[in-house]
Amino acid sequence: MTEPSPENSTPEPAPEVNRLAELEAEVNRLKDALLRSQADQQNQQRRHRDQQNDLRKFATAGLIEELLPTLDVLALGLEAANGKAEAKAVVDGFRMAVQQFRGVLNANGLTELLPTGQVFDAKLGHESVAQEASDTVPEGSIIKVVRAGWLLHDRILRTASVIVSTGPANK
C-alpha cells in the first residue's frame, strides 16, 4: 500500500476557514447596506427640511398675489391725485399707508421689479405689452413699466408688464 504523497494533493481548507470567510463577506455586505441606509435617511431628512423651508417661504404667495392688484390701484390713485392741492392731506396719508404696506411685503420676502432702462428679458420677469420708438432708449431696452412685477424670495410671483423700445423712429 502506498500513501498519497503530499506533493500531489492540495490540502482542503478547514471548514472553519471557509465559514470565517463567509461571515466576513456577510459582515461587509451588512456594513455596506447600513451605510447606504443611513445615507438614504440623511438625504430624505434633508429633502424634507428643504420642503418645509420652501413651504414656509412661499406659504403666503397666494395671499400676496391677491393683494397686489389692491396695491396697484392705490398707487394709481396716488399718481392721479398727486399735485392736486385740495387732496394733499389725503394723498400724504395714503402715501404713508402704501409705504407701510410695501414695508410689510418687503419684510416678508417680496421685491418689486421695476426694470425701466434694462434690456428686455422674459427670464427676468419682463412681459412686453407694447413697443414704441425712442430716440433716447436703445432698441430692446425697456422704456416704461406699465405694471410692476414682483419676486417672492427668488421666485417670480408676477411679471413686470413693460413697453420696449424699437429704437429711433424712421423718418
Protein backbone atom coordinates (compact mmCIF):
# COMPACT_ATOMS: atom_id res chain seq x y z
CA MET A 1 0.00 0.00 0.00
CA THR A 2 1.20 3.38 -0.89
CA GLU A 3 0.19 6.57 0.73
CA PRO A 4 -0.60 9.61 -1.36
CA SER A 5 2.34 11.92 -1.45
CA PRO A 6 1.82 15.39 -0.02
CA GLU A 7 3.19 16.93 -3.22
CA ASN A 8 0.40 15.62 -5.43
CA SER A 9 -2.57 16.70 -3.36
CA THR A 10 -3.78 20.16 -2.44
CA PRO A 11 -4.88 20.41 1.13
CA GLU A 12 -8.54 21.18 1.67
CA PRO A 13 -9.12 24.36 3.69
CA ALA A 14 -10.53 23.69 7.07
CA PRO A 15 -14.33 24.19 7.33
CA GLU A 16 -13.70 26.89 9.93
CA VAL A 17 -11.70 28.96 7.41
CA ASN A 18 -14.50 28.74 4.83
CA ARG A 19 -17.08 29.70 7.41
CA LEU A 20 -14.94 32.64 8.60
CA ALA A 21 -14.60 33.97 5.02
CA GLU A 22 -18.37 33.66 4.52
CA LEU A 23 -19.06 35.52 7.76
CA GLU A 24 -16.58 38.30 6.88
CA ALA A 25 -18.26 38.71 3.48
CA GLU A 26 -21.67 38.85 5.18
CA VAL A 27 -20.42 41.46 7.69
CA ASN A 28 -19.05 43.59 4.83
CA ARG A 29 -22.33 43.31 2.92
CA LEU A 30 -24.32 44.31 6.01
CA LYS A 31 -21.98 47.25 6.73
CA ASP A 32 -22.45 48.47 3.16
CA ALA A 33 -26.23 48.10 3.42
CA LEU A 34 -26.21 50.01 6.73
CA LEU A 35 -24.13 52.86 5.28
CA ARG A 36 -26.43 53.12 2.26
CA SER A 37 -29.48 53.11 4.50
CA GLN A 38 -28.01 55.87 6.68
CA ALA A 39 -27.16 57.94 3.60
CA ASP A 40 -30.69 57.47 2.24
CA GLN A 41 -32.15 58.54 5.57
CA GLN A 42 -29.96 61.65 5.73
CA ASN A 43 -30.93 62.56 2.15
CA GLN A 44 -34.61 62.09 2.96
CA GLN A 45 -34.28 64.28 6.06
CA ARG A 46 -32.52 66.99 4.01
CA ARG A 47 -35.23 66.87 1.31
CA HIS A 48 -37.94 67.05 3.99
CA ARG A 49 -36.22 70.04 5.66
CA ASP A 50 -35.86 71.79 2.26
CA GLN A 51 -39.54 71.18 1.50
CA GLN A 52 -40.54 72.60 4.88
CA ASN A 53 -38.39 75.68 4.31
CA ASP A 54 -39.95 76.21 0.86
CA LEU A 55 -43.41 75.76 2.32
CA ARG A 56 -42.69 78.41 4.96
CA LYS A 57 -41.13 80.80 2.41
CA PHE A 58 -43.93 80.54 -0.13
CA ALA A 59 -46.97 79.85 2.05
CA THR A 60 -48.11 83.46 1.67
CA ALA A 61 -47.76 83.54 -2.14
CA GLY A 62 -51.50 83.16 -2.80
CA LEU A 63 -52.47 85.89 -0.36
CA ILE A 64 -49.82 88.25 -1.70
CA GLU A 65 -50.93 87.65 -5.29
CA GLU A 66 -54.45 88.66 -4.27
CA LEU A 67 -53.19 91.81 -2.54
CA LEU A 68 -51.01 93.08 -5.41
CA PRO A 69 -53.91 94.45 -7.51
CA THR A 70 -55.01 96.46 -4.45
CA LEU A 71 -51.51 97.91 -4.17
CA ASP A 72 -51.63 98.73 -7.92
CA VAL A 73 -54.93 100.59 -7.51
CA LEU A 74 -53.62 102.54 -4.52
CA ALA A 75 -50.50 103.53 -6.50
CA LEU A 76 -52.63 104.63 -9.46
CA GLY A 77 -54.88 106.66 -7.17
CA LEU A 78 -51.86 108.35 -5.60
CA GLU A 79 -50.43 109.12 -9.02
CA ALA A 80 -53.72 110.63 -10.18
CA ALA A 81 -54.15 112.75 -7.05
CA ASN A 82 -50.53 113.85 -6.93
CA GLY A 83 -50.14 117.61 -7.40
CA LYS A 84 -53.75 118.48 -6.52
CA ALA A 85 -53.60 120.96 -3.64
CA GLU A 86 -57.07 120.12 -2.31
CA ALA A 87 -56.12 116.44 -1.89
CA LYS A 88 -52.66 116.93 -0.37
CA ALA A 89 -53.52 115.73 3.15
CA VAL A 90 -55.35 112.67 1.86
CA VAL A 91 -52.54 111.89 -0.61
CA ASP A 92 -49.94 112.17 2.14
CA GLY A 93 -51.93 109.82 4.37
CA PHE A 94 -52.40 107.26 1.61
CA ARG A 95 -48.73 107.56 0.61
CA MET A 96 -47.72 106.69 4.19
CA ALA A 97 -50.14 103.73 4.23
CA VAL A 98 -48.79 102.44 0.90
CA GLN A 99 -45.20 102.79 2.14
CA GLN A 100 -46.07 100.85 5.28
CA PHE A 101 -47.82 98.18 3.20
CA ARG A 102 -44.76 97.88 0.93
CA GLY A 103 -42.52 97.66 4.00
CA VAL A 104 -44.51 94.72 5.35
CA LEU A 105 -44.35 92.99 1.96
CA ASN A 106 -40.59 93.59 1.70
CA ALA A 107 -40.04 92.25 5.22
CA ASN A 108 -41.80 89.06 4.11
CA GLY A 109 -39.52 88.50 1.11
CA LEU A 110 -41.34 90.43 -1.61
CA THR A 111 -39.27 92.55 -4.01
CA GLU A 112 -40.68 94.90 -6.60
CA LEU A 113 -39.45 94.56 -10.20
CA LEU A 114 -39.14 97.97 -11.89
CA PRO A 115 -36.87 97.24 -14.88
CA THR A 116 -37.00 100.64 -16.63
CA GLY A 117 -33.85 101.06 -18.72
CA GLN A 118 -32.89 97.38 -18.56
CA VAL A 119 -32.61 95.15 -21.60
CA PHE A 120 -35.86 93.20 -22.05
CA ASP A 121 -35.53 89.59 -20.84
CA ALA A 122 -38.55 87.36 -20.21
CA LYS A 123 -36.41 85.12 -17.96
CA LEU A 124 -36.00 88.06 -15.58
CA GLY A 125 -39.75 88.55 -15.23
CA HIS A 126 -40.40 91.01 -18.06
CA GLU A 127 -43.55 90.83 -20.18
CA SER A 128 -43.77 93.12 -23.21
CA VAL A 129 -47.21 94.66 -23.64
CA ALA A 130 -46.21 97.21 -26.30
CA GLN A 131 -43.34 98.56 -28.34
CA GLU A 132 -42.51 102.21 -29.02
CA ALA A 133 -39.90 104.07 -30.99
CA SER A 134 -37.45 106.05 -28.86
CA ASP A 135 -34.56 108.29 -29.76
CA THR A 136 -33.11 108.03 -26.24
CA VAL A 137 -33.65 104.38 -25.25
CA PRO A 138 -31.75 101.74 -27.25
CA GLU A 139 -33.66 99.08 -29.17
CA GLY A 140 -34.65 96.11 -26.99
CA SER A 141 -34.49 98.09 -23.75
CA ILE A 142 -37.44 98.88 -21.51
CA ILE A 143 -38.88 102.38 -21.91
CA LYS A 144 -41.59 102.22 -19.26
CA VAL A 145 -43.06 99.85 -16.68
CA VAL A 146 -46.83 99.65 -17.10
CA ARG A 147 -47.36 97.31 -14.14
CA ALA A 148 -44.65 96.42 -11.62
CA GLY A 149 -43.52 92.83 -11.33
CA TRP A 150 -42.85 91.08 -8.05
CA LEU A 151 -40.42 88.46 -6.75
CA LEU A 152 -41.20 86.40 -3.66
CA HIS A 153 -37.77 85.44 -2.35
CA ASP A 154 -36.22 84.03 -5.54
CA ARG A 155 -39.40 83.19 -7.49
CA ILE A 156 -41.25 85.42 -9.92
CA LEU A 157 -44.68 85.99 -8.43
CA ARG A 158 -45.84 88.39 -11.13
CA THR A 159 -44.05 89.52 -14.29
CA ALA A 160 -43.49 93.21 -14.94
CA SER A 161 -45.60 94.49 -17.85
CA VAL A 162 -43.35 96.77 -19.87
CA ILE A 163 -43.07 98.85 -23.02
CA VAL A 164 -39.97 98.00 -25.09
CA SER A 165 -38.05 100.36 -27.35
CA THR A 166 -37.83 99.67 -31.08
CA GLY A 167 -35.03 102.21 -31.41
CA PRO A 168 -35.19 105.56 -33.21
CA ALA A 169 -38.30 106.30 -35.26
CA ASN A 170 -37.91 106.05 -39.03
CA LYS A 171 -38.03 109.43 -40.70
